[in-house]
Amino acid sequence: MEAYIVDWLNLLVRWLHLITGIAWIGASFYFVMLDNSLMPPKKPEDAKRGVFGELWAVHGGGFYNSQKYLTGPKGERAIPFGDFHLLPGDTPERAHEPHHPDHSPTVLENANRAATGALVDLYNEGREVRRHGTARPRGD
């Protein structure tokens, strides 16, 4: 009887693995298509809010306006960047653990800005290659 149950569990796990793999690959193709189809935002206020690109799509009889942010919406963050370590109910005065000096908002924000700049450069270079076949020479 135990071997019978193990065989059914084995079959169930194999099918679950197959379905999960198909979903994973499908999501990967979707996000590659989404990134390759992004256009610069049309509204200047969207660009000021940090929108990097947007895509209008139709699916299931509805219209979707997807917007991509590289660092999150500017001016709309409900939790200050430096307080992400807090647990629900904590306040800056009553944190569950002390701040580490290397994790100050200034250090993290500067690192985030540098990483975002590098991502934007890589993304724009990739778009340039796709449009013209070659990238423009850098001023390095």
N, C-alpha and C. Protein backbone atom coordinates (compact mmCIF):
# COMPACT_ATOMS: atom_id res chain seq x y z
N MET A 1 0.82 -1.20 0.00
CA MET A 1 0.00 0.00 0.00
C MET A 1 0.86 1.26 0.00
N GLU A 2 1.97 1.21 0.75
CA GLU A 2 2.85 2.38 0.83
C GLU A 2 3.47 2.69 -0.54
N ALA A 3 3.86 1.66 -1.28
CA ALA A 3 4.44 1.87 -2.62
C ALA A 3 3.41 2.49 -3.55
N TYR A 4 2.17 2.12 -3.40
CA TYR A 4 1.09 2.68 -4.21
C TYR A 4 0.97 4.19 -3.98
N ILE A 5 1.00 4.61 -2.72
CA ILE A 5 0.91 6.04 -2.37
C ILE A 5 2.14 6.78 -2.88
N VAL A 6 3.31 6.19 -2.72
CA VAL A 6 4.54 6.82 -3.19
C VAL A 6 4.49 7.01 -4.71
N ASP A 7 3.96 6.02 -5.45
CA ASP A 7 3.85 6.16 -6.90
C ASP A 7 2.91 7.32 -7.28
N TRP A 8 1.80 7.45 -6.59
CA TRP A 8 0.87 8.55 -6.88
C TRP A 8 1.50 9.91 -6.51
N LEU A 9 2.19 9.98 -5.40
CA LEU A 9 2.88 11.23 -5.02
C LEU A 9 3.95 11.58 -6.04
N ASN A 10 4.68 10.58 -6.52
CA ASN A 10 5.71 10.79 -7.53
C ASN A 10 5.08 11.37 -8.81
N LEU A 11 3.96 10.78 -9.23
CA LEU A 11 3.26 11.26 -10.41
C LEU A 11 2.77 12.70 -10.21
N LEU A 12 2.21 12.97 -9.04
CA LEU A 12 1.72 14.32 -8.73
C LEU A 12 2.86 15.35 -8.76
N VAL A 13 3.97 15.02 -8.15
CA VAL A 13 5.12 15.94 -8.12
C VAL A 13 5.67 16.15 -9.53
N ARG A 14 5.73 15.12 -10.35
CA ARG A 14 6.22 15.27 -11.73
C ARG A 14 5.32 16.21 -12.54
N TRP A 15 3.99 16.03 -12.42
CA TRP A 15 3.07 16.90 -13.15
C TRP A 15 3.15 18.33 -12.63
N LEU A 16 3.26 18.50 -11.32
CA LEU A 16 3.40 19.83 -10.75
C LEU A 16 4.68 20.49 -11.25
N HIS A 17 5.76 19.74 -11.33
CA HIS A 17 7.03 20.25 -11.84
C HIS A 17 6.90 20.67 -13.31
N LEU A 18 6.24 19.86 -14.11
CA LEU A 18 6.05 20.16 -15.53
C LEU A 18 5.21 21.45 -15.70
N ILE A 19 4.11 21.54 -15.00
CA ILE A 19 3.23 22.72 -15.11
C ILE A 19 3.93 23.97 -14.62
N THR A 20 4.67 23.86 -13.53
CA THR A 20 5.42 25.02 -13.01
C THR A 20 6.48 25.46 -14.01
N GLY A 21 7.17 24.52 -14.64
CA GLY A 21 8.18 24.87 -15.65
C GLY A 21 7.57 25.58 -16.84
N ILE A 22 6.42 25.10 -17.31
CA ILE A 22 5.75 25.75 -18.44
C ILE A 22 5.34 27.17 -18.06
N ALA A 23 4.79 27.35 -16.86
CA ALA A 23 4.38 28.68 -16.41
C ALA A 23 5.58 29.60 -16.28
N TRP A 24 6.69 29.09 -15.75
CA TRP A 24 7.91 29.89 -15.58
C TRP A 24 8.43 30.37 -16.93
N ILE A 25 8.51 29.47 -17.88
CA ILE A 25 9.01 29.83 -19.22
C ILE A 25 8.06 30.83 -19.89
N GLY A 26 6.76 30.61 -19.75
CA GLY A 26 5.79 31.54 -20.33
C GLY A 26 5.92 32.93 -19.74
N ALA A 27 6.09 33.02 -18.42
CA ALA A 27 6.26 34.33 -17.77
C ALA A 27 7.56 34.99 -18.24
N SER A 28 8.61 34.19 -18.43
CA SER A 28 9.88 34.75 -18.92
C SER A 28 9.71 35.35 -20.31
N PHE A 29 9.04 34.61 -21.22
CA PHE A 29 8.79 35.14 -22.56
C PHE A 29 7.94 36.41 -22.50
N TYR A 30 6.94 36.43 -21.62
CA TYR A 30 6.07 37.61 -21.51
C TYR A 30 6.87 38.84 -21.09
N PHE A 31 7.73 38.70 -20.07
CA PHE A 31 8.46 39.86 -19.58
C PHE A 31 9.55 40.30 -20.56
N VAL A 32 10.13 39.38 -21.32
CA VAL A 32 11.08 39.78 -22.36
C VAL A 32 10.34 40.60 -23.42
N MET A 33 9.16 40.13 -23.84
CA MET A 33 8.36 40.88 -24.81
C MET A 33 7.97 42.24 -24.25
N LEU A 34 7.59 42.26 -22.98
CA LEU A 34 7.18 43.52 -22.35
C LEU A 34 8.34 44.51 -22.34
N ASP A 35 9.52 44.08 -21.92
CA ASP A 35 10.68 44.97 -21.89
C ASP A 35 11.07 45.45 -23.29
N ASN A 36 10.98 44.58 -24.29
CA ASN A 36 11.34 44.97 -25.65
C ASN A 36 10.31 45.87 -26.30
N SER A 37 9.10 45.94 -25.76
CA SER A 37 8.04 46.73 -26.35
C SER A 37 7.82 48.07 -25.66
N LEU A 38 8.58 48.35 -24.62
CA LEU A 38 8.39 49.60 -23.88
C LEU A 38 8.73 50.81 -24.73
N MET A 39 7.92 51.83 -24.61
CA MET A 39 8.17 53.11 -25.27
C MET A 39 8.38 54.16 -24.19
N PRO A 40 9.12 55.23 -24.48
CA PRO A 40 9.27 56.29 -23.48
C PRO A 40 7.90 56.86 -23.11
N PRO A 41 7.73 57.31 -21.87
CA PRO A 41 6.42 57.84 -21.47
C PRO A 41 6.05 59.08 -22.29
N LYS A 42 4.77 59.19 -22.66
CA LYS A 42 4.31 60.32 -23.46
C LYS A 42 4.07 61.56 -22.60
N LYS A 43 3.64 61.36 -21.37
CA LYS A 43 3.36 62.49 -20.49
C LYS A 43 4.63 62.88 -19.73
N PRO A 44 5.00 64.16 -19.77
CA PRO A 44 6.20 64.58 -19.01
C PRO A 44 6.06 64.33 -17.51
N GLU A 45 4.84 64.42 -16.98
CA GLU A 45 4.68 64.19 -15.53
C GLU A 45 4.96 62.74 -15.15
N ASP A 46 4.71 61.81 -16.09
CA ASP A 46 5.06 60.40 -15.82
C ASP A 46 6.58 60.24 -15.72
N ALA A 47 7.30 60.89 -16.62
CA ALA A 47 8.77 60.81 -16.57
C ALA A 47 9.29 61.41 -15.27
N LYS A 48 8.67 62.49 -14.79
CA LYS A 48 9.09 63.10 -13.52
C LYS A 48 8.82 62.17 -12.35
N ARG A 49 7.76 61.34 -12.46
CA ARG A 49 7.45 60.39 -11.39
C ARG A 49 8.36 59.18 -11.42
N GLY A 50 9.22 59.07 -12.44
CA GLY A 50 10.17 57.96 -12.51
C GLY A 50 9.79 56.86 -13.47
N VAL A 51 8.78 57.09 -14.34
CA VAL A 51 8.40 56.07 -15.31
C VAL A 51 9.49 55.97 -16.36
N PHE A 52 10.04 54.78 -16.54
CA PHE A 52 11.12 54.56 -17.51
C PHE A 52 10.55 54.24 -18.89
N GLY A 53 9.47 53.49 -18.92
CA GLY A 53 8.83 53.13 -20.18
C GLY A 53 7.41 52.68 -19.93
N GLU A 54 6.60 52.69 -20.99
CA GLU A 54 5.21 52.26 -20.83
C GLU A 54 4.77 51.48 -22.06
N LEU A 55 3.70 50.72 -21.88
CA LEU A 55 3.17 49.90 -22.96
C LEU A 55 1.66 49.85 -22.83
N TRP A 56 0.97 50.14 -23.90
CA TRP A 56 -0.48 49.96 -23.96
C TRP A 56 -0.73 48.60 -24.58
N ALA A 57 -1.62 47.82 -23.98
CA ALA A 57 -1.92 46.48 -24.48
C ALA A 57 -3.42 46.22 -24.37
N VAL A 58 -3.90 45.32 -25.20
CA VAL A 58 -5.30 44.90 -25.17
C VAL A 58 -5.32 43.40 -24.89
N HIS A 59 -6.14 43.00 -23.92
CA HIS A 59 -6.27 41.58 -23.62
C HIS A 59 -7.62 41.35 -22.95
N GLY A 60 -8.33 40.38 -23.42
CA GLY A 60 -9.60 40.02 -22.80
C GLY A 60 -10.64 41.12 -22.87
N GLY A 61 -10.59 41.95 -23.91
CA GLY A 61 -11.57 43.01 -24.05
C GLY A 61 -11.28 44.23 -23.21
N GLY A 62 -10.11 44.29 -22.57
CA GLY A 62 -9.75 45.44 -21.75
C GLY A 62 -8.43 46.03 -22.19
N PHE A 63 -8.21 47.27 -21.82
CA PHE A 63 -6.97 47.97 -22.15
C PHE A 63 -6.11 48.05 -20.90
N TYR A 64 -4.82 47.81 -21.09
CA TYR A 64 -3.85 47.86 -20.00
C TYR A 64 -2.79 48.90 -20.33
N ASN A 65 -2.42 49.69 -19.34
CA ASN A 65 -1.32 50.63 -19.48
C ASN A 65 -0.26 50.23 -18.46
N SER A 66 0.73 49.48 -18.91
CA SER A 66 1.81 49.02 -18.03
C SER A 66 2.91 50.07 -18.02
N GLN A 67 3.38 50.40 -16.84
CA GLN A 67 4.47 51.37 -16.70
C GLN A 67 5.60 50.71 -15.92
N LYS A 68 6.84 50.93 -16.39
CA LYS A 68 8.01 50.35 -15.74
C LYS A 68 8.78 51.45 -15.02
N TYR A 69 9.05 51.21 -13.75
CA TYR A 69 9.88 52.10 -12.93
C TYR A 69 11.18 51.37 -12.64
N LEU A 70 12.30 52.07 -12.74
CA LEU A 70 13.58 51.44 -12.39
C LEU A 70 13.85 51.50 -10.90
N THR A 71 13.33 52.52 -10.24
CA THR A 71 13.60 52.67 -8.81
C THR A 71 12.34 52.82 -7.99
N GLY A 72 11.19 52.73 -8.57
CA GLY A 72 9.94 52.94 -7.84
C GLY A 72 9.42 54.35 -8.11
N PRO A 73 8.13 54.56 -7.91
CA PRO A 73 7.55 55.88 -8.19
C PRO A 73 8.17 56.94 -7.30
N LYS A 74 8.49 58.07 -7.88
CA LYS A 74 9.07 59.18 -7.11
C LYS A 74 7.95 59.98 -6.47
N GLY A 75 8.11 60.29 -5.20
CA GLY A 75 7.15 61.12 -4.49
C GLY A 75 5.89 60.37 -4.08
N GLU A 76 5.82 59.05 -4.26
CA GLU A 76 4.62 58.30 -3.93
C GLU A 76 4.90 57.20 -2.92
N ARG A 77 6.10 57.13 -2.40
CA ARG A 77 6.47 56.05 -1.49
C ARG A 77 5.83 56.30 -0.13
N ALA A 78 5.06 55.32 0.34
CA ALA A 78 4.38 55.46 1.62
C ALA A 78 5.36 55.25 2.78
N ILE A 79 6.38 54.41 2.58
CA ILE A 79 7.36 54.13 3.63
C ILE A 79 8.68 54.76 3.20
N PRO A 80 9.27 55.62 4.04
CA PRO A 80 10.57 56.19 3.67
C PRO A 80 11.60 55.08 3.46
N PHE A 81 12.51 55.31 2.54
CA PHE A 81 13.49 54.29 2.17
C PHE A 81 14.26 53.77 3.37
N GLY A 82 14.62 54.65 4.28
CA GLY A 82 15.40 54.26 5.45
C GLY A 82 14.63 53.44 6.47
N ASP A 83 13.29 53.34 6.32
CA ASP A 83 12.48 52.62 7.30
C ASP A 83 11.97 51.27 6.80
N PHE A 84 12.53 50.76 5.68
CA PHE A 84 12.07 49.48 5.15
C PHE A 84 12.40 48.32 6.09
N HIS A 85 13.38 48.51 6.97
CA HIS A 85 13.76 47.43 7.88
C HIS A 85 12.77 47.26 9.02
N LEU A 86 11.86 48.21 9.21
CA LEU A 86 10.95 48.15 10.34
C LEU A 86 9.87 47.09 10.15
N LEU A 87 9.49 46.46 11.23
CA LEU A 87 8.39 45.51 11.20
C LEU A 87 7.08 46.27 11.31
N PRO A 88 5.96 45.67 10.88
CA PRO A 88 4.67 46.35 11.04
C PRO A 88 4.45 46.73 12.50
N GLY A 89 4.04 47.95 12.72
CA GLY A 89 3.81 48.44 14.09
C GLY A 89 5.02 49.15 14.67
N ASP A 90 6.22 48.95 14.10
CA ASP A 90 7.40 49.66 14.58
C ASP A 90 7.35 51.10 14.11
N THR A 91 7.99 51.95 14.81
CA THR A 91 8.17 53.34 14.40
C THR A 91 9.66 53.62 14.43
N PRO A 92 10.12 54.70 13.78
CA PRO A 92 11.55 54.98 13.84
C PRO A 92 12.08 55.12 15.27
N GLU A 93 11.21 55.58 16.19
CA GLU A 93 11.65 55.73 17.58
C GLU A 93 11.70 54.38 18.31
N ARG A 94 10.96 53.38 17.83
CA ARG A 94 10.85 52.10 18.52
C ARG A 94 11.12 50.97 17.53
N ALA A 95 12.28 50.96 16.94
CA ALA A 95 12.62 49.93 15.95
C ALA A 95 12.97 48.64 16.65
N HIS A 96 12.82 47.53 15.94
CA HIS A 96 13.12 46.23 16.52
C HIS A 96 14.61 45.94 16.54
N GLU A 97 15.40 46.68 15.80
CA GLU A 97 16.85 46.50 15.84
C GLU A 97 17.51 47.85 15.54
N PRO A 98 18.69 48.10 16.06
CA PRO A 98 19.34 49.39 15.80
C PRO A 98 19.82 49.50 14.35
N HIS A 99 19.93 50.74 13.89
CA HIS A 99 20.46 50.99 12.55
C HIS A 99 21.93 50.62 12.49
N HIS A 100 22.33 50.04 11.41
CA HIS A 100 23.73 49.78 11.17
C HIS A 100 24.26 50.98 10.39
N PRO A 101 25.43 51.53 10.74
CA PRO A 101 25.92 52.74 10.05
C PRO A 101 26.09 52.56 8.54
N ASP A 102 26.40 51.34 8.08
CA ASP A 102 26.57 51.12 6.64
C ASP A 102 25.23 51.09 5.90
N HIS A 103 24.12 51.01 6.64
CA HIS A 103 22.81 50.92 6.01
C HIS A 103 22.05 52.23 6.10
N SER A 104 22.76 53.33 6.23
CA SER A 104 22.08 54.61 6.31
C SER A 104 21.41 54.92 4.97
N PRO A 105 20.32 55.67 4.98
CA PRO A 105 19.63 55.98 3.72
C PRO A 105 20.53 56.64 2.69
N THR A 106 21.47 57.47 3.13
CA THR A 106 22.33 58.16 2.17
C THR A 106 23.20 57.16 1.41
N VAL A 107 23.81 56.21 2.12
CA VAL A 107 24.66 55.22 1.47
C VAL A 107 23.84 54.38 0.50
N LEU A 108 22.67 53.90 0.96
CA LEU A 108 21.84 53.06 0.11
C LEU A 108 21.28 53.83 -1.08
N GLU A 109 20.85 55.06 -0.86
CA GLU A 109 20.30 55.84 -1.97
C GLU A 109 21.37 56.14 -3.01
N ASN A 110 22.60 56.42 -2.58
CA ASN A 110 23.68 56.67 -3.54
C ASN A 110 24.01 55.41 -4.33
N ALA A 111 24.04 54.26 -3.65
CA ALA A 111 24.29 53.00 -4.35
C ALA A 111 23.16 52.68 -5.32
N ASN A 112 21.93 52.96 -4.91
CA ASN A 112 20.77 52.71 -5.76
C ASN A 112 20.82 53.61 -6.99
N ARG A 113 21.18 54.88 -6.81
CA ARG A 113 21.28 55.81 -7.93
C ARG A 113 22.35 55.35 -8.92
N ALA A 114 23.50 54.90 -8.42
CA ALA A 114 24.59 54.46 -9.29
C ALA A 114 24.17 53.21 -10.07
N ALA A 115 23.54 52.27 -9.39
CA ALA A 115 23.10 51.04 -10.06
C ALA A 115 22.03 51.35 -11.10
N THR A 116 21.12 52.25 -10.78
CA THR A 116 20.06 52.62 -11.72
C THR A 116 20.65 53.28 -12.95
N GLY A 117 21.62 54.16 -12.76
CA GLY A 117 22.27 54.81 -13.90
C GLY A 117 22.92 53.80 -14.82
N ALA A 118 23.58 52.80 -14.23
CA ALA A 118 24.22 51.77 -15.05
C ALA A 118 23.17 50.95 -15.80
N LEU A 119 22.05 50.63 -15.14
CA LEU A 119 20.98 49.88 -15.82
C LEU A 119 20.38 50.67 -16.97
N VAL A 120 20.18 51.96 -16.76
CA VAL A 120 19.62 52.80 -17.83
C VAL A 120 20.58 52.85 -19.00
N ASP A 121 21.87 52.99 -18.73
CA ASP A 121 22.86 53.01 -19.82
C ASP A 121 22.85 51.70 -20.60
N LEU A 122 22.83 50.57 -19.89
CA LEU A 122 22.80 49.27 -20.57
C LEU A 122 21.52 49.10 -21.39
N TYR A 123 20.40 49.51 -20.82
CA TYR A 123 19.13 49.37 -21.52
C TYR A 123 19.12 50.22 -22.78
N ASN A 124 19.55 51.48 -22.67
CA ASN A 124 19.57 52.37 -23.83
C ASN A 124 20.54 51.88 -24.90
N GLU A 125 21.68 51.33 -24.48
CA GLU A 125 22.63 50.79 -25.43
C GLU A 125 22.02 49.60 -26.18
N GLY A 126 21.30 48.76 -25.46
CA GLY A 126 20.63 47.62 -26.10
C GLY A 126 19.58 48.07 -27.10
N ARG A 127 18.83 49.10 -26.76
CA ARG A 127 17.81 49.63 -27.69
C ARG A 127 18.48 50.21 -28.93
N GLU A 128 19.62 50.87 -28.72
CA GLU A 128 20.35 51.46 -29.85
C GLU A 128 20.83 50.37 -30.80
N VAL A 129 21.33 49.26 -30.24
CA VAL A 129 21.80 48.14 -31.07
C VAL A 129 20.64 47.55 -31.85
N ARG A 130 19.48 47.37 -31.19
CA ARG A 130 18.33 46.79 -31.88
C ARG A 130 17.83 47.70 -32.99
N ARG A 131 17.91 49.01 -32.80
CA ARG A 131 17.40 49.94 -33.82
C ARG A 131 18.35 50.08 -35.00
N HIS A 132 19.64 50.23 -34.72
CA HIS A 132 20.59 50.60 -35.77
C HIS A 132 21.62 49.52 -36.08
N GLY A 133 21.63 48.45 -35.31
CA GLY A 133 22.58 47.37 -35.58
C GLY A 133 23.91 47.55 -34.87
N THR A 134 24.22 48.77 -34.44
CA THR A 134 25.47 49.00 -33.69
C THR A 134 25.18 50.03 -32.60
N ALA A 135 25.99 49.97 -31.58
CA ALA A 135 25.86 50.96 -30.51
C ALA A 135 26.71 52.17 -30.85
N ARG A 136 26.26 53.31 -30.37
CA ARG A 136 27.07 54.52 -30.55
C ARG A 136 28.31 54.42 -29.67
N PRO A 137 29.44 54.95 -30.14
CA PRO A 137 30.64 54.89 -29.29
C PRO A 137 30.43 55.70 -28.01
N ARG A 138 30.95 55.18 -26.94
CA ARG A 138 30.86 55.87 -25.65
C ARG A 138 31.96 56.91 -25.56
N GLY A 139 31.76 57.84 -24.67
CA GLY A 139 32.78 58.88 -24.46
C GLY A 139 33.78 58.50 -23.40
N ASP A 140 33.93 57.19 -23.09
CA ASP A 140 34.87 56.74 -22.03
C ASP A 140 36.29 56.99 -22.46
